[in-house]
C-alpha cells in the first residue's frame, strides 16, 4: 500500500509535511482534520509519494 504525506501550507505559501500515513481514505481524512483543528487558518492537503494531490481541505 502506498504512503501519503499530510501537508500544511505555511504563511509563506510553502507546503510542509507534518506526517505520513497509509493511503487509506478514512485515515487520510482523520489525519487531515486533526492537523486542520490544530492550525485552523491554514490549508491542509494529502499528497502521494509521486506528488499527486489525493485530497485537500
N, C-alpha and C. Protein backbone atom coordinates (compact mmCIF):
# COMPACT_ATOMS: atom_id res chain seq x y z
N UNK A 1 0.85 -1.18 0.00
CA UNK A 1 0.00 0.00 0.00
C UNK A 1 0.89 1.24 0.00
N UNK A 2 0.52 2.25 -0.77
CA UNK A 2 1.29 3.48 -0.87
C UNK A 2 1.12 4.34 0.37
N UNK A 3 2.10 5.19 0.57
CA UNK A 3 2.03 6.14 1.67
C UNK A 3 1.64 7.51 1.14
N UNK A 4 1.06 8.33 2.03
CA UNK A 4 0.58 9.66 1.70
C UNK A 4 1.14 10.63 2.72
N UNK A 5 1.61 11.78 2.24
CA UNK A 5 2.11 12.83 3.12
C UNK A 5 0.95 13.77 3.46
N UNK A 6 0.83 14.12 4.74
CA UNK A 6 -0.15 15.11 5.17
C UNK A 6 0.62 16.42 5.33
N UNK A 7 0.21 17.43 4.55
CA UNK A 7 0.96 18.68 4.49
C UNK A 7 0.10 19.87 4.88
N UNK A 8 0.80 20.91 5.38
CA UNK A 8 0.17 22.16 5.80
C UNK A 8 0.85 23.29 5.04
N UNK A 9 0.07 24.23 4.53
CA UNK A 9 0.66 25.38 3.85
C UNK A 9 0.98 26.44 4.89
N UNK A 10 2.27 26.82 4.97
CA UNK A 10 2.67 27.81 5.96
C UNK A 10 2.35 29.22 5.47
N UNK A 11 2.67 30.22 6.29
CA UNK A 11 2.32 31.60 5.97
C UNK A 11 3.08 32.15 4.77
N UNK A 12 4.19 31.51 4.38
CA UNK A 12 4.94 31.95 3.20
C UNK A 12 4.47 31.26 1.93
N UNK A 13 3.49 30.35 2.05
CA UNK A 13 2.95 29.66 0.89
C UNK A 13 3.59 28.32 0.60
N UNK A 14 4.59 27.94 1.37
CA UNK A 14 5.26 26.64 1.18
C UNK A 14 4.48 25.54 1.88
N UNK A 15 4.48 24.35 1.28
CA UNK A 15 3.82 23.19 1.87
C UNK A 15 4.83 22.43 2.72
N UNK A 16 4.50 22.19 3.98
CA UNK A 16 5.35 21.46 4.92
C UNK A 16 4.68 20.14 5.30
N UNK A 17 5.47 19.07 5.29
CA UNK A 17 4.95 17.76 5.66
C UNK A 17 4.92 17.63 7.17
N UNK A 18 3.75 17.28 7.71
CA UNK A 18 3.59 17.10 9.15
C UNK A 18 3.39 15.65 9.53
N UNK A 19 3.17 14.79 8.57
CA UNK A 19 3.00 13.39 8.87
C UNK A 19 2.89 12.56 7.61
N UNK A 20 3.07 11.26 7.79
CA UNK A 20 2.93 10.30 6.70
C UNK A 20 2.02 9.19 7.18
N UNK A 21 1.06 8.81 6.33
CA UNK A 21 0.11 7.76 6.69
C UNK A 21 -0.10 6.84 5.49
N UNK A 22 -0.77 5.74 5.72
CA UNK A 22 -1.09 4.82 4.64
C UNK A 22 -2.18 5.42 3.75
N UNK A 23 -2.21 5.00 2.50
CA UNK A 23 -3.20 5.51 1.56
C UNK A 23 -4.55 4.83 1.80
N UNK A 24 -5.19 5.25 2.88
CA UNK A 24 -6.50 4.76 3.29
C UNK A 24 -7.37 6.00 3.50
N UNK A 25 -8.48 6.09 2.79
CA UNK A 25 -9.27 7.33 2.79
C UNK A 25 -9.71 7.77 4.18
N UNK A 26 -10.10 6.83 5.04
CA UNK A 26 -10.53 7.20 6.38
C UNK A 26 -9.36 7.71 7.22
N UNK A 27 -8.21 7.08 7.10
CA UNK A 27 -7.04 7.51 7.86
C UNK A 27 -6.55 8.88 7.37
N UNK A 28 -6.57 9.09 6.05
CA UNK A 28 -6.14 10.37 5.49
C UNK A 28 -7.04 11.49 6.00
N UNK A 29 -8.36 11.29 5.94
CA UNK A 29 -9.30 12.30 6.41
C UNK A 29 -9.12 12.58 7.90
N UNK A 30 -8.93 11.55 8.70
CA UNK A 30 -8.70 11.72 10.14
C UNK A 30 -7.46 12.57 10.39
N UNK A 31 -6.36 12.25 9.72
CA UNK A 31 -5.10 12.99 9.91
C UNK A 31 -5.24 14.44 9.44
N UNK A 32 -5.92 14.64 8.32
CA UNK A 32 -6.09 16.00 7.81
C UNK A 32 -6.97 16.84 8.73
N UNK A 33 -8.04 16.28 9.24
CA UNK A 33 -8.91 17.01 10.16
C UNK A 33 -8.18 17.33 11.47
N UNK A 34 -7.37 16.38 11.94
CA UNK A 34 -6.61 16.61 13.17
C UNK A 34 -5.63 17.77 12.98
N UNK A 35 -4.90 17.78 11.88
CA UNK A 35 -3.95 18.85 11.61
C UNK A 35 -4.68 20.18 11.41
N UNK A 36 -5.81 20.14 10.73
CA UNK A 36 -6.59 21.35 10.49
C UNK A 36 -7.14 21.93 11.79
N UNK A 37 -7.49 21.09 12.73
CA UNK A 37 -8.01 21.59 14.01
C UNK A 37 -6.90 22.27 14.82
N UNK A 38 -5.66 21.85 14.64
CA UNK A 38 -4.54 22.48 15.33
C UNK A 38 -4.11 23.78 14.66
N UNK A 39 -4.36 23.90 13.36
CA UNK A 39 -3.99 25.09 12.59
C UNK A 39 -5.21 25.52 11.76
N UNK A 40 -6.22 26.13 12.39
CA UNK A 40 -7.50 26.37 11.70
C UNK A 40 -7.42 27.36 10.54
N UNK A 41 -6.43 28.21 10.49
CA UNK A 41 -6.35 29.21 9.42
C UNK A 41 -5.42 28.80 8.28
N UNK A 42 -4.95 27.57 8.30
CA UNK A 42 -4.01 27.10 7.28
C UNK A 42 -4.68 26.04 6.41
N UNK A 43 -4.20 25.92 5.18
CA UNK A 43 -4.71 24.89 4.26
C UNK A 43 -3.98 23.58 4.51
N UNK A 44 -4.70 22.48 4.35
CA UNK A 44 -4.15 21.14 4.58
C UNK A 44 -4.41 20.30 3.34
N UNK A 45 -3.43 19.47 2.98
CA UNK A 45 -3.62 18.58 1.84
C UNK A 45 -2.93 17.25 2.08
N UNK A 46 -3.32 16.27 1.28
CA UNK A 46 -2.67 14.96 1.28
C UNK A 46 -2.08 14.75 -0.11
N UNK A 47 -0.81 14.33 -0.15
CA UNK A 47 -0.10 14.15 -1.41
C UNK A 47 0.55 12.77 -1.40
N UNK A 48 0.40 12.03 -2.51
CA UNK A 48 1.05 10.72 -2.55
C UNK A 48 2.56 10.90 -2.82
N UNK A 49 3.30 9.82 -2.81
CA UNK A 49 4.75 9.89 -2.93
C UNK A 49 5.21 10.29 -4.33
N UNK A 50 4.27 10.29 -5.29
CA UNK A 50 4.59 10.76 -6.65
C UNK A 50 4.30 12.25 -6.80
N UNK A 51 3.78 12.88 -5.74
CA UNK A 51 3.48 14.31 -5.77
C UNK A 51 2.08 14.64 -6.23
N UNK A 52 1.24 13.64 -6.41
CA UNK A 52 -0.14 13.88 -6.84
C UNK A 52 -1.03 14.17 -5.63
N UNK A 53 -1.87 15.16 -5.76
CA UNK A 53 -2.77 15.53 -4.67
C UNK A 53 -3.87 14.47 -4.54
N UNK A 54 -4.04 13.98 -3.32
CA UNK A 54 -5.05 12.98 -3.02
C UNK A 54 -6.31 13.66 -2.49
N UNK A 55 -6.13 14.66 -1.61
CA UNK A 55 -7.24 15.38 -1.00
C UNK A 55 -6.74 16.71 -0.49
N UNK A 56 -7.64 17.67 -0.33
CA UNK A 56 -7.26 19.00 0.18
C UNK A 56 -8.41 19.57 0.98
N UNK A 57 -8.08 20.27 2.08
CA UNK A 57 -9.10 20.94 2.89
C UNK A 57 -8.91 22.44 2.76
